[in-house]
């Protein structure tokens, strides 16, 4: 199998663990405040629980964005949620380059460094490029590479679209993925992912890279907590030709979390933007609950405000001033 193609798939596997389809369209919500959510929201946002609802929404948006992390881990949440923890990227990126040049290829079994194995198989139409309909399946069997995590479960991928030049590294790639009982075990955490995802990566304007993740539903069980993202999308960009790495993140979706014991919706009326590994210095997120809402606004890369509309009348009743670190510690 062509190694250039394998390197593309290896990068995409970082996304496939727990993500869903970005089409790079405008996913930002309207700029209005409040509105009281929709018929699907069941969680009433109050002054007391607004920070927790805001944190959960930010972590879901940021975590799903990292499935399609453009050019590496750009964002730093400080206290990532279950979705951010669910991607077994450390094993995936290097795995595929060991596959033999076969059509169809595999099953190719690769032992992990400490214990367990990974089996890779697939069916491709052309050994020189990716083609719509190419399929790949990765089976992790208690894979332990000595990095403090053990990975188990299955990822299935189907190429939806591919154009560009593999050898040069400029391409547009879209892949449908399904995670089935994909588990990541660490000393303190057990994370299990099930759901569908479509991942899009655009490197045609390298060093400016754009990636998107979206899907119908992805459920992550994290220790004694469970979160389901539905109808979600996250778009991320990074310009690796500039320092310190300017990035953007926009997202929308519905979050059903046992931590909140309810359903909320989130969107980004103003795209988040920042540099390097800092928190965003601008942007806003609207969190809509049952006849209630909250708006997170990045004042700078240290401070945020949360405006709270407890009755859904479209005006805020209270404003909280926090640091990013304080928000993510709630």
C-alpha atoms as a PDB file:
ATOM      1  CA  UNK A   1       0.000   0.000   0.000  1.00  0.00           C
ATOM      2  CA  UNK A   2       1.208   3.488  -0.852  1.00  0.00           C
ATOM      3  CA  UNK A   3       2.798   5.025   2.249  1.00  0.00           C
ATOM      4  CA  UNK A   4       1.601   8.517   1.370  1.00  0.00           C
ATOM      5  CA  UNK A   5      -1.958   7.282   1.507  1.00  0.00           C
ATOM      6  CA  UNK A   6      -1.256   5.553   4.790  1.00  0.00           C
ATOM      7  CA  UNK A   7       0.073   8.739   6.339  1.00  0.00           C
ATOM      8  CA  UNK A   8      -3.156  10.507   5.390  1.00  0.00           C
ATOM      9  CA  UNK A   9      -5.196   7.752   7.009  1.00  0.00           C
ATOM     10  CA  UNK A  10      -2.956   7.767  10.042  1.00  0.00           C
ATOM     11  CA  UNK A  11      -3.663  11.435  10.603  1.00  0.00           C
ATOM     12  CA  UNK A  12      -7.359  10.811  10.099  1.00  0.00           C
ATOM     13  CA  UNK A  13      -7.423   8.070  12.708  1.00  0.00           C
ATOM     14  CA  UNK A  14      -6.799  10.693  15.328  1.00  0.00           C
ATOM     15  CA  UNK A  15     -10.191  12.005  14.320  1.00  0.00           C
ATOM     16  CA  UNK A  16     -11.964   8.704  13.885  1.00  0.00           C
ATOM     17  CA  UNK A  17     -11.947   7.647  17.506  1.00  0.00           C
ATOM     18  CA  UNK A  18     -14.869   9.768  18.550  1.00  0.00           C
ATOM     19  CA  UNK A  19     -15.825  12.396  16.073  1.00  0.00           C
ATOM     20  CA  UNK A  20     -18.505  13.147  13.512  1.00  0.00           C
ATOM     21  CA  UNK A  21     -19.113  15.543   9.345  1.00  0.00           C
ATOM     22  CA  UNK A  22     -17.725  18.900   8.916  1.00  0.00           C
ATOM     23  CA  UNK A  23     -18.480  20.597   5.641  1.00  0.00           C
ATOM     24  CA  UNK A  24     -16.756  23.849   6.609  1.00  0.00           C
ATOM     25  CA  UNK A  25     -20.061  25.696   6.272  1.00  0.00           C
ATOM     26  CA  UNK A  26     -21.337  28.433   8.563  1.00  0.00           C
ATOM     27  CA  UNK A  27     -22.394  26.618  11.720  1.00  0.00           C
ATOM     28  CA  UNK A  28     -22.591  29.672  13.930  1.00  0.00           C
ATOM     29  CA  UNK A  29     -25.929  30.498  15.455  1.00  0.00           C
ATOM     30  CA  UNK A  30     -27.575  33.865  15.398  1.00  0.00           C
ATOM     31  CA  UNK A  31     -26.226  36.688  17.453  1.00  0.00           C
ATOM     32  CA  UNK A  32     -29.317  37.093  19.613  1.00  0.00           C
ATOM     33  CA  UNK A  33     -29.273  36.246  23.296  1.00  0.00           C
ATOM     34  CA  UNK A  34     -31.618  33.818  24.943  1.00  0.00           C
ATOM     35  CA  UNK A  35     -34.636  32.421  23.216  1.00  0.00           C
ATOM     36  CA  UNK A  36     -35.234  29.663  25.748  1.00  0.00           C
ATOM     37  CA  UNK A  37     -33.984  26.713  23.701  1.00  0.00           C
ATOM     38  CA  UNK A  38     -36.200  24.297  21.781  1.00  0.00           C
ATOM     39  CA  UNK A  39     -38.514  21.400  22.483  1.00  0.00           C
ATOM     40  CA  UNK A  40     -35.503  19.104  22.954  1.00  0.00           C
ATOM     41  CA  UNK A  41     -33.986  21.018  25.873  1.00  0.00           C
ATOM     42  CA  UNK A  42     -34.906  19.775  29.360  1.00  0.00           C
ATOM     43  CA  UNK A  43     -32.295  21.417  31.601  1.00  0.00           C
ATOM     44  CA  UNK A  44     -33.282  24.712  33.213  1.00  0.00           C
ATOM     45  CA  UNK A  45     -30.255  27.014  33.450  1.00  0.00           C
ATOM     46  CA  UNK A  46     -30.055  29.033  36.679  1.00  0.00           C
ATOM     47  CA  UNK A  47     -27.549  31.336  38.336  1.00  0.00           C
ATOM     48  CA  UNK A  48     -26.335  28.395  40.379  1.00  0.00           C
ATOM     49  CA  UNK A  49     -25.817  25.851  37.604  1.00  0.00           C
ATOM     50  CA  UNK A  50     -24.911  28.121  34.679  1.00  0.00           C
ATOM     51  CA  UNK A  51     -21.128  27.627  35.140  1.00  0.00           C
ATOM     52  CA  UNK A  52     -21.519  23.822  35.075  1.00  0.00           C
ATOM     53  CA  UNK A  53     -23.742  23.920  31.983  1.00  0.00           C
ATOM     54  CA  UNK A  54     -21.323  26.303  30.285  1.00  0.00           C
ATOM     55  CA  UNK A  55     -18.301  24.172  31.133  1.00  0.00           C
ATOM     56  CA  UNK A  56     -19.993  20.988  29.885  1.00  0.00           C
ATOM     57  CA  UNK A  57     -20.921  22.692  26.608  1.00  0.00           C
ATOM     58  CA  UNK A  58     -17.434  24.100  26.107  1.00  0.00           C
ATOM     59  CA  UNK A  59     -15.811  20.746  26.825  1.00  0.00           C
ATOM     60  CA  UNK A  60     -18.148  18.965  24.388  1.00  0.00           C
ATOM     61  CA  UNK A  61     -17.481  21.518  21.649  1.00  0.00           C
ATOM     62  CA  UNK A  62     -13.742  21.604  22.253  1.00  0.00           C
ATOM     63  CA  UNK A  63     -13.475  17.842  22.667  1.00  0.00           C
ATOM     64  CA  UNK A  64     -15.333  17.109  19.427  1.00  0.00           C
ATOM     65  CA  UNK A  65     -13.145  19.741  17.753  1.00  0.00           C
ATOM     66  CA  UNK A  66     -10.069  17.809  18.804  1.00  0.00           C
ATOM     67  CA  UNK A  67     -11.345  14.763  16.902  1.00  0.00           C
ATOM     68  CA  UNK A  68     -10.573  16.822  13.832  1.00  0.00           C
ATOM     69  CA  UNK A  69      -7.678  18.684  15.383  1.00  0.00           C
ATOM     70  CA  UNK A  70      -6.113  20.723  12.600  1.00  0.00           C
ATOM     71  CA  UNK A  71      -2.381  20.301  12.663  1.00  0.00           C
ATOM     72  CA  UNK A  72      -2.243  18.776  16.140  1.00  0.00           C
ATOM     73  CA  UNK A  73      -3.617  19.602  19.564  1.00  0.00           C
ATOM     74  CA  UNK A  74      -4.164  23.328  19.229  1.00  0.00           C
ATOM     75  CA  UNK A  75      -6.641  24.032  21.976  1.00  0.00           C
ATOM     76  CA  UNK A  76      -5.896  23.640  25.679  1.00  0.00           C
ATOM     77  CA  UNK A  77      -8.952  23.169  27.865  1.00  0.00           C
ATOM     78  CA  UNK A  78      -7.061  22.573  31.089  1.00  0.00           C
ATOM     79  CA  UNK A  79      -9.735  20.157  32.281  1.00  0.00           C
ATOM     80  CA  UNK A  80     -11.013  18.301  29.209  1.00  0.00           C
ATOM     81  CA  UNK A  81     -14.306  16.476  29.415  1.00  0.00           C
ATOM     82  CA  UNK A  82     -15.146  12.925  28.461  1.00  0.00           C
ATOM     83  CA  UNK A  83     -15.204  13.639  24.735  1.00  0.00           C
ATOM     84  CA  UNK A  84     -11.726  15.134  24.794  1.00  0.00           C
ATOM     85  CA  UNK A  85     -10.430  12.045  26.597  1.00  0.00           C
ATOM     86  CA  UNK A  86     -11.863   9.545  24.136  1.00  0.00           C
ATOM     87  CA  UNK A  87      -9.403   9.697  21.238  1.00  0.00           C
ATOM     88  CA  UNK A  88      -6.699   6.972  21.150  1.00  0.00           C
ATOM     89  CA  UNK A  89      -4.493   8.985  18.823  1.00  0.00           C
ATOM     90  CA  UNK A  90      -1.189   7.801  20.252  1.00  0.00           C
ATOM     91  CA  UNK A  91      -1.540   4.316  18.789  1.00  0.00           C
ATOM     92  CA  UNK A  92      -3.496   5.179  15.637  1.00  0.00           C
ATOM     93  CA  UNK A  93      -1.126   7.567  13.916  1.00  0.00           C
ATOM     94  CA  UNK A  94       1.770   5.131  13.581  1.00  0.00           C
ATOM     95  CA  UNK A  95      -0.204   1.958  13.046  1.00  0.00           C
ATOM     96  CA  UNK A  96      -1.209   2.173   9.418  1.00  0.00           C
ATOM     97  CA  UNK A  97       2.298   2.662   8.011  1.00  0.00           C
ATOM     98  CA  UNK A  98       3.027  -1.023   8.743  1.00  0.00           C
ATOM     99  CA  UNK A  99       0.381  -2.361   6.336  1.00  0.00           C
ATOM    100  CA  UNK A 100       1.510  -4.447   3.357  1.00  0.00           C
ATOM    101  CA  UNK A 101       0.752  -3.386  -0.227  1.00  0.00           C
ATOM    102  CA  UNK A 102      -2.256  -5.596  -0.871  1.00  0.00           C
ATOM    103  CA  UNK A 103      -5.644  -5.004  -2.485  1.00  0.00           C
ATOM    104  CA  UNK A 104      -7.628  -5.870  -0.455  1.00  0.00           C
ATOM    105  CA  UNK A 105      -5.106  -5.701   2.354  1.00  0.00           C
ATOM    106  CA  UNK A 106      -5.000  -7.460   5.660  1.00  0.00           C
ATOM    107  CA  UNK A 107      -6.011  -8.580   8.030  1.00  0.00           C
ATOM    108  CA  UNK A 108      -2.623  -7.303   9.160  1.00  0.00           C
ATOM    109  CA  UNK A 109      -1.927  -7.913  12.859  1.00  0.00           C
ATOM    110  CA  UNK A 110       0.463  -5.522  14.583  1.00  0.00           C
ATOM    111  CA  UNK A 111       1.571  -6.274  18.161  1.00  0.00           C
ATOM    112  CA  UNK A 112       1.480  -3.410  20.629  1.00  0.00           C
ATOM    113  CA  UNK A 113       4.678  -2.495  22.459  1.00  0.00           C
ATOM    114  CA  UNK A 114       3.693  -3.917  25.861  1.00  0.00           C
ATOM    115  CA  UNK A 115       0.680  -6.147  25.321  1.00  0.00           C
ATOM    116  CA  UNK A 116      -2.261  -6.671  23.003  1.00  0.00           C
ATOM    117  CA  UNK A 117      -2.530  -6.157  19.263  1.00  0.00           C
ATOM    118  CA  UNK A 118      -4.146  -4.110  16.519  1.00  0.00           C
ATOM    119  CA  UNK A 119      -5.637  -5.678  13.399  1.00  0.00           C
ATOM    120  CA  UNK A 120      -6.012  -3.560  10.262  1.00  0.00           C
ATOM    121  CA  UNK A 121      -7.919  -4.642   7.171  1.00  0.00           C
ATOM    122  CA  UNK A 122      -9.591  -2.978   4.248  1.00  0.00           C
ATOM    123  CA  UNK A 123     -10.578  -2.917   0.613  1.00  0.00           C
ATOM    124  CA  UNK A 124      -9.218  -0.234  -1.718  1.00  0.00           C
ATOM    125  CA  UNK A 125      -9.718   0.372  -5.435  1.00  0.00           C
ATOM    126  CA  UNK A 126      -6.376   1.940  -6.389  1.00  0.00           C
ATOM    127  CA  UNK A 127      -3.000   1.445  -4.664  1.00  0.00           C
ATOM    128  CA  UNK A 128      -1.861   4.931  -5.660  1.00  0.00           C
ATOM    129  CA  UNK A 129      -4.624   7.031  -4.174  1.00  0.00           C
ATOM    130  CA  UNK A 130      -7.733   7.058  -2.027  1.00  0.00           C
ATOM    131  CA  UNK A 131     -11.037   6.497  -3.816  1.00  0.00           C
ATOM    132  CA  UNK A 132     -14.652   7.021  -2.837  1.00  0.00           C
ATOM    133  CA  UNK A 133     -15.886   3.778  -1.307  1.00  0.00           C
ATOM    134  CA  UNK A 134     -12.511   2.562   0.005  1.00  0.00           C
ATOM    135  CA  UNK A 135     -13.038   0.886   3.376  1.00  0.00           C
ATOM    136  CA  UNK A 136     -10.796   0.358   6.397  1.00  0.00           C
ATOM    137  CA  UNK A 137     -11.366  -1.412   9.700  1.00  0.00           C
ATOM    138  CA  UNK A 138      -9.210  -1.200  12.813  1.00  0.00           C
ATOM    139  CA  UNK A 139      -9.630  -3.628  15.693  1.00  0.00           C
ATOM    140  CA  UNK A 140      -7.851  -2.733  18.941  1.00  0.00           C
ATOM    141  CA  UNK A 141      -7.419  -5.742  21.246  1.00  0.00           C
ATOM    142  CA  UNK A 142      -6.294  -4.563  24.689  1.00  0.00           C
ATOM    143  CA  UNK A 143      -3.533  -2.576  23.007  1.00  0.00           C
ATOM    144  CA  UNK A 144      -0.953  -1.280  25.485  1.00  0.00           C
ATOM    145  CA  UNK A 145       1.971   0.764  24.163  1.00  0.00           C
ATOM    146  CA  UNK A 146       3.258   1.680  27.608  1.00  0.00           C
ATOM    147  CA  UNK A 147       1.838   5.201  27.439  1.00  0.00           C
ATOM    148  CA  UNK A 148      -0.532   4.815  30.361  1.00  0.00           C
ATOM    149  CA  UNK A 149      -3.567   3.766  28.348  1.00  0.00           C
ATOM    150  CA  UNK A 150      -5.035   0.534  26.989  1.00  0.00           C
ATOM    151  CA  UNK A 151      -7.264   0.661  23.899  1.00  0.00           C
ATOM    152  CA  UNK A 152      -9.938  -1.844  22.926  1.00  0.00           C
ATOM    153  CA  UNK A 153     -12.711  -1.801  20.337  1.00  0.00           C
ATOM    154  CA  UNK A 154     -13.344  -1.172  16.658  1.00  0.00           C
ATOM    155  CA  UNK A 155     -13.240   1.751  14.228  1.00  0.00           C
ATOM    156  CA  UNK A 156     -14.690   1.319  10.716  1.00  0.00           C
ATOM    157  CA  UNK A 157     -14.009   3.939   8.046  1.00  0.00           C
ATOM    158  CA  UNK A 158     -15.309   4.569   4.530  1.00  0.00           C
ATOM    159  CA  UNK A 159     -13.803   7.178   2.219  1.00  0.00           C
ATOM    160  CA  UNK A 160     -16.525   9.583   1.155  1.00  0.00           C
ATOM    161  CA  UNK A 161     -14.399  11.932  -0.947  1.00  0.00           C
ATOM    162  CA  UNK A 162     -10.755  12.438  -1.790  1.00  0.00           C
ATOM    163  CA  UNK A 163      -9.109  14.938  -4.124  1.00  0.00           C
ATOM    164  CA  UNK A 164      -5.581  16.258  -4.208  1.00  0.00           C
ATOM    165  CA  UNK A 165      -1.996  15.068  -4.215  1.00  0.00           C
ATOM    166  CA  UNK A 166      -0.903  12.535  -1.624  1.00  0.00           C
ATOM    167  CA  UNK A 167       2.805  12.905  -2.287  1.00  0.00           C
ATOM    168  CA  UNK A 168       2.734  16.685  -1.953  1.00  0.00           C
ATOM    169  CA  UNK A 169       0.426  16.443   1.054  1.00  0.00           C
ATOM    170  CA  UNK A 170      -2.263  18.816  -0.211  1.00  0.00           C
ATOM    171  CA  UNK A 171      -5.692  17.212  -0.322  1.00  0.00           C
ATOM    172  CA  UNK A 172      -9.354  17.323   0.654  1.00  0.00           C
ATOM    173  CA  UNK A 173     -10.417  14.182   2.516  1.00  0.00           C
ATOM    174  CA  UNK A 174     -13.826  13.186   3.862  1.00  0.00           C
ATOM    175  CA  UNK A 175     -14.391   9.896   5.704  1.00  0.00           C
ATOM    176  CA  UNK A 176     -17.398   8.317   7.382  1.00  0.00           C
ATOM    177  CA  UNK A 177     -16.456   6.517  10.593  1.00  0.00           C
ATOM    178  CA  UNK A 178     -18.210   4.344  13.143  1.00  0.00           C
ATOM    179  CA  UNK A 179     -16.856   3.642  16.630  1.00  0.00           C
ATOM    180  CA  UNK A 180     -18.076   0.406  18.213  1.00  0.00           C
ATOM    181  CA  UNK A 181     -17.348  -0.198  21.905  1.00  0.00           C
ATOM    182  CA  UNK A 182     -14.143   1.804  21.533  1.00  0.00           C
ATOM    183  CA  UNK A 183     -12.631   1.888  25.013  1.00  0.00           C
ATOM    184  CA  UNK A 184      -9.682   3.755  26.477  1.00  0.00           C
ATOM    185  CA  UNK A 185      -8.515   2.580  29.904  1.00  0.00           C
ATOM    186  CA  UNK A 186      -6.132   4.577  32.108  1.00  0.00           C
ATOM    187  CA  UNK A 187      -5.201   4.271  35.767  1.00  0.00           C
ATOM    188  CA  UNK A 188      -8.130   6.497  36.744  1.00  0.00           C
ATOM    189  CA  UNK A 189     -10.521   6.522  33.786  1.00  0.00           C
ATOM    190  CA  UNK A 190     -12.559   4.179  31.628  1.00  0.00           C
ATOM    191  CA  UNK A 191     -13.982   5.811  28.506  1.00  0.00           C
ATOM    192  CA  UNK A 192     -16.270   3.948  26.087  1.00  0.00           C
ATOM    193  CA  UNK A 193     -17.388   5.464  22.773  1.00  0.00           C
ATOM    194  CA  UNK A 194     -20.149   4.371  20.405  1.00  0.00           C
ATOM    195  CA  UNK A 195     -21.483   6.326  17.468  1.00  0.00           C
ATOM    196  CA  UNK A 196     -21.033   7.689  13.978  1.00  0.00           C
ATOM    197  CA  UNK A 197     -18.784  10.395  12.645  1.00  0.00           C
ATOM    198  CA  UNK A 198     -17.791  12.041   9.405  1.00  0.00           C
ATOM    199  CA  UNK A 199     -14.417  13.730   9.316  1.00  0.00           C
ATOM    200  CA  UNK A 200     -13.242  16.266   6.759  1.00  0.00           C
ATOM    201  CA  UNK A 201      -9.705  17.556   6.433  1.00  0.00           C
ATOM    202  CA  UNK A 202      -8.564  20.226   3.971  1.00  0.00           C
ATOM    203  CA  UNK A 203      -4.828  20.832   3.536  1.00  0.00           C
ATOM    204  CA  UNK A 204      -5.066  22.367   0.059  1.00  0.00           C
ATOM    205  CA  UNK A 205      -4.008  25.737   1.458  1.00  0.00           C
ATOM    206  CA  UNK A 206      -1.163  24.419   3.606  1.00  0.00           C
ATOM    207  CA  UNK A 207       0.158  25.712   6.000  1.00  0.00           C
ATOM    208  CA  UNK A 208      -3.440  26.868   6.636  1.00  0.00           C
ATOM    209  CA  UNK A 209      -5.336  23.705   7.611  1.00  0.00           C
ATOM    210  CA  UNK A 210      -9.061  23.282   8.113  1.00  0.00           C
ATOM    211  CA  UNK A 211     -10.829  20.301   9.640  1.00  0.00           C
ATOM    212  CA  UNK A 212     -14.413  19.454  10.447  1.00  0.00           C
ATOM    213  CA  UNK A 213     -16.166  16.864  12.556  1.00  0.00           C
ATOM    214  CA  UNK A 214     -19.886  16.146  12.800  1.00  0.00           C
ATOM    215  CA  UNK A 215     -22.367  13.353  13.199  1.00  0.00           C
ATOM    216  CA  UNK A 216     -25.845  12.193  14.063  1.00  0.00           C
ATOM    217  CA  UNK A 217     -24.954  10.789  17.485  1.00  0.00           C
ATOM    218  CA  UNK A 218     -21.928   9.868  19.585  1.00  0.00           C
ATOM    219  CA  UNK A 219     -22.204   8.512  23.124  1.00  0.00           C
ATOM    220  CA  UNK A 220     -19.270   8.530  25.522  1.00  0.00           C
ATOM    221  CA  UNK A 221     -19.493   6.733  28.851  1.00  0.00           C
ATOM    222  CA  UNK A 222     -16.846   8.124  31.190  1.00  0.00           C
ATOM    223  CA  UNK A 223     -16.500   6.364  34.548  1.00  0.00           C
ATOM    224  CA  UNK A 224     -19.929   6.928  36.145  1.00  0.00           C
ATOM    225  CA  UNK A 225     -20.938   9.671  33.689  1.00  0.00           C
ATOM    226  CA  UNK A 226     -22.542   9.417  30.261  1.00  0.00           C
ATOM    227  CA  UNK A 227     -22.736  12.082  27.560  1.00  0.00           C
ATOM    228  CA  UNK A 228     -24.383  11.950  24.154  1.00  0.00           C
ATOM    229  CA  UNK A 229     -23.754  14.498  21.427  1.00  0.00           C
ATOM    230  CA  UNK A 230     -26.373  14.576  18.683  1.00  0.00           C
ATOM    231  CA  UNK A 231     -26.645  16.572  15.468  1.00  0.00           C
ATOM    232  CA  UNK A 232     -23.262  18.038  16.267  1.00  0.00           C
ATOM    233  CA  UNK A 233     -20.620  19.782  14.199  1.00  0.00           C
ATOM    234  CA  UNK A 234     -17.281  21.374  14.971  1.00  0.00           C
ATOM    235  CA  UNK A 235     -14.997  23.253  12.575  1.00  0.00           C
ATOM    236  CA  UNK A 236     -11.420  24.160  13.379  1.00  0.00           C
ATOM    237  CA  UNK A 237      -8.627  25.983  11.563  1.00  0.00           C
ATOM    238  CA  UNK A 238      -4.970  26.586  12.284  1.00  0.00           C
ATOM    239  CA  UNK A 239      -2.282  28.450  10.370  1.00  0.00           C
ATOM    240  CA  UNK A 240       0.923  26.542  11.083  1.00  0.00           C
ATOM    241  CA  UNK A 241       2.899  29.025   9.002  1.00  0.00           C
ATOM    242  CA  UNK A 242       2.514  31.670  11.695  1.00  0.00           C
ATOM    243  CA  UNK A 243       3.647  31.767  15.291  1.00  0.00           C
ATOM    244  CA  UNK A 244       2.202  31.325  17.813  1.00  0.00           C
ATOM    245  CA  UNK A 245      -0.268  29.272  15.701  1.00  0.00           C
ATOM    246  CA  UNK A 246      -3.496  31.281  15.302  1.00  0.00           C
ATOM    247  CA  UNK A 247      -6.560  29.021  15.502  1.00  0.00           C
ATOM    248  CA  UNK A 248     -10.347  29.199  15.337  1.00  0.00           C
ATOM    249  CA  UNK A 249     -13.119  26.941  16.638  1.00  0.00           C
ATOM    250  CA  UNK A 250     -16.839  26.996  15.901  1.00  0.00           C
ATOM    251  CA  UNK A 251     -19.327  24.368  17.029  1.00  0.00           C
ATOM    252  CA  UNK A 252     -22.972  23.470  17.538  1.00  0.00           C
ATOM    253  CA  UNK A 253     -24.853  20.494  18.898  1.00  0.00           C
ATOM    254  CA  UNK A 254     -27.187  18.991  21.461  1.00  0.00           C
ATOM    255  CA  UNK A 255     -25.696  17.591  24.667  1.00  0.00           C
ATOM    256  CA  UNK A 256     -27.466  15.060  26.890  1.00  0.00           C
ATOM    257  CA  UNK A 257     -25.377  14.634  30.033  1.00  0.00           C
ATOM    258  CA  UNK A 258     -25.975  12.648  33.201  1.00  0.00           C
ATOM    259  CA  UNK A 259     -23.781  15.208  34.966  1.00  0.00           C
ATOM    260  CA  UNK A 260     -26.405  17.850  34.224  1.00  0.00           C
ATOM    261  CA  UNK A 261     -29.324  15.422  34.360  1.00  0.00           C
ATOM    262  CA  UNK A 262     -30.810  17.073  31.307  1.00  0.00           C
ATOM    263  CA  UNK A 263     -30.429  18.222  27.708  1.00  0.00           C
ATOM    264  CA  UNK A 264     -28.970  21.512  26.486  1.00  0.00           C
ATOM    265  CA  UNK A 265     -28.041  22.948  23.109  1.00  0.00           C
ATOM    266  CA  UNK A 266     -24.953  24.981  22.260  1.00  0.00           C
ATOM    267  CA  UNK A 267     -23.739  27.076  19.344  1.00  0.00           C
ATOM    268  CA  UNK A 268     -21.081  29.698  18.681  1.00  0.00           C
ATOM    269  CA  UNK A 269     -22.637  32.999  17.515  1.00  0.00           C
ATOM    270  CA  UNK A 270     -19.084  34.371  17.343  1.00  0.00           C
ATOM    271  CA  UNK A 271     -16.290  31.975  16.347  1.00  0.00           C
ATOM    272  CA  UNK A 272     -13.674  31.436  19.037  1.00  0.00           C
ATOM    273  CA  UNK A 273     -10.140  32.498  18.130  1.00  0.00           C
ATOM    274  CA  UNK A 274      -6.812  32.341  19.888  1.00  0.00           C
ATOM    275  CA  UNK A 275      -3.122  31.606  19.542  1.00  0.00           C
ATOM    276  CA  UNK A 276      -0.878  28.678  20.358  1.00  0.00           C
ATOM    277  CA  UNK A 277      -1.892  26.672  23.408  1.00  0.00           C
ATOM    278  CA  UNK A 278      -3.678  29.590  25.077  1.00  0.00           C
ATOM    279  CA  UNK A 279      -7.389  29.683  25.754  1.00  0.00           C
ATOM    280  CA  UNK A 280      -9.405  31.634  23.156  1.00  0.00           C
ATOM    281  CA  UNK A 281      -9.057  35.399  23.421  1.00  0.00           C
ATOM    282  CA  UNK A 282     -12.306  36.156  21.568  1.00  0.00           C
ATOM    283  CA  UNK A 283     -15.564  34.475  20.630  1.00  0.00           C
ATOM    284  CA  UNK A 284     -18.795  33.463  22.317  1.00  0.00           C
ATOM    285  CA  UNK A 285     -20.940  30.398  22.932  1.00  0.00           C
ATOM    286  CA  UNK A 286     -24.704  30.354  23.457  1.00  0.00           C
ATOM    287  CA  UNK A 287     -26.043  27.594  25.715  1.00  0.00           C
ATOM    288  CA  UNK A 288     -29.811  27.103  25.555  1.00  0.00           C
ATOM    289  CA  UNK A 289     -31.809  25.235  28.178  1.00  0.00           C
ATOM    290  CA  UNK A 290     -35.446  24.842  29.124  1.00  0.00           C
ATOM    291  CA  UNK A 291     -36.876  28.387  28.951  1.00  0.00           C
ATOM    292  CA  UNK A 292     -33.408  29.676  29.844  1.00  0.00           C
ATOM    293  CA  UNK A 293     -29.997  30.416  28.365  1.00  0.00           C
ATOM    294  CA  UNK A 294     -26.424  31.407  29.114  1.00  0.00           C
ATOM    295  CA  UNK A 295     -23.790  33.088  26.988  1.00  0.00           C
ATOM    296  CA  UNK A 296     -20.066  32.475  27.416  1.00  0.00           C
ATOM    297  CA  UNK A 297     -17.847  35.283  26.105  1.00  0.00           C
ATOM    298  CA  UNK A 298     -14.065  35.234  25.963  1.00  0.00           C
ATOM    299  CA  UNK A 299     -12.851  38.601  27.264  1.00  0.00           C
ATOM    300  CA  UNK A 300      -9.245  37.596  26.600  1.00  0.00           C
ATOM    301  CA  UNK A 301      -7.167  34.418  26.918  1.00  0.00           C
ATOM    302  CA  UNK A 302      -7.473  34.557  30.721  1.00  0.00           C
ATOM    303  CA  UNK A 303     -10.940  35.924  31.526  1.00  0.00           C
ATOM    304  CA  UNK A 304     -14.528  35.116  30.520  1.00  0.00           C
ATOM    305  CA  UNK A 305     -18.032  36.314  31.323  1.00  0.00           C
ATOM    306  CA  UNK A 306     -21.217  34.254  31.602  1.00  0.00           C
ATOM    307  CA  UNK A 307     -24.473  36.123  31.023  1.00  0.00           C
ATOM    308  CA  UNK A 308     -27.521  34.287  32.379  1.00  0.00           C
ATOM    309  CA  UNK A 309     -31.121  34.522  31.181  1.00  0.00           C
ATOM    310  CA  UNK A 310     -33.097  32.496  33.732  1.00  0.00           C
ATOM    311  CA  UNK A 311     -36.560  32.982  32.195  1.00  0.00           C
ATOM    312  CA  UNK A 312     -35.852  32.876  28.460  1.00  0.00           C
ATOM    313  CA  UNK A 313     -37.141  36.376  27.766  1.00  0.00           C
ATOM    314  CA  UNK A 314     -34.091  37.296  25.688  1.00  0.00           C
ATOM    315  CA  UNK A 315     -32.404  39.566  28.237  1.00  0.00           C
ATOM    316  CA  UNK A 316     -29.782  38.576  30.769  1.00  0.00           C
ATOM    317  CA  UNK A 317     -30.529  38.738  34.469  1.00  0.00           C
ATOM    318  CA  UNK A 318     -27.032  38.223  35.867  1.00  0.00           C
ATOM    319  CA  UNK A 319     -23.410  38.333  34.722  1.00  0.00           C
ATOM    320  CA  UNK A 320     -20.614  36.229  36.188  1.00  0.00           C
ATOM    321  CA  UNK A 321     -16.947  37.117  35.750  1.00  0.00           C
ATOM    322  CA  UNK A 322     -14.527  34.177  35.848  1.00  0.00           C
ATOM    323  CA  UNK A 323     -11.180  33.105  34.508  1.00  0.00           C
ATOM    324  CA  UNK A 324     -10.996  30.281  31.979  1.00  0.00           C
ATOM    325  CA  UNK A 325      -9.281  28.175  34.657  1.00  0.00           C
ATOM    326  CA  UNK A 326     -12.028  28.873  37.196  1.00  0.00           C
ATOM    327  CA  UNK A 327     -14.743  28.016  34.682  1.00  0.00           C
ATOM    328  CA  UNK A 328     -13.187  24.687  33.753  1.00  0.00           C
ATOM    329  CA  UNK A 329     -12.664  23.769  37.404  1.00  0.00           C
ATOM    330  CA  UNK A 330     -16.394  24.041  38.216  1.00  0.00           C
END
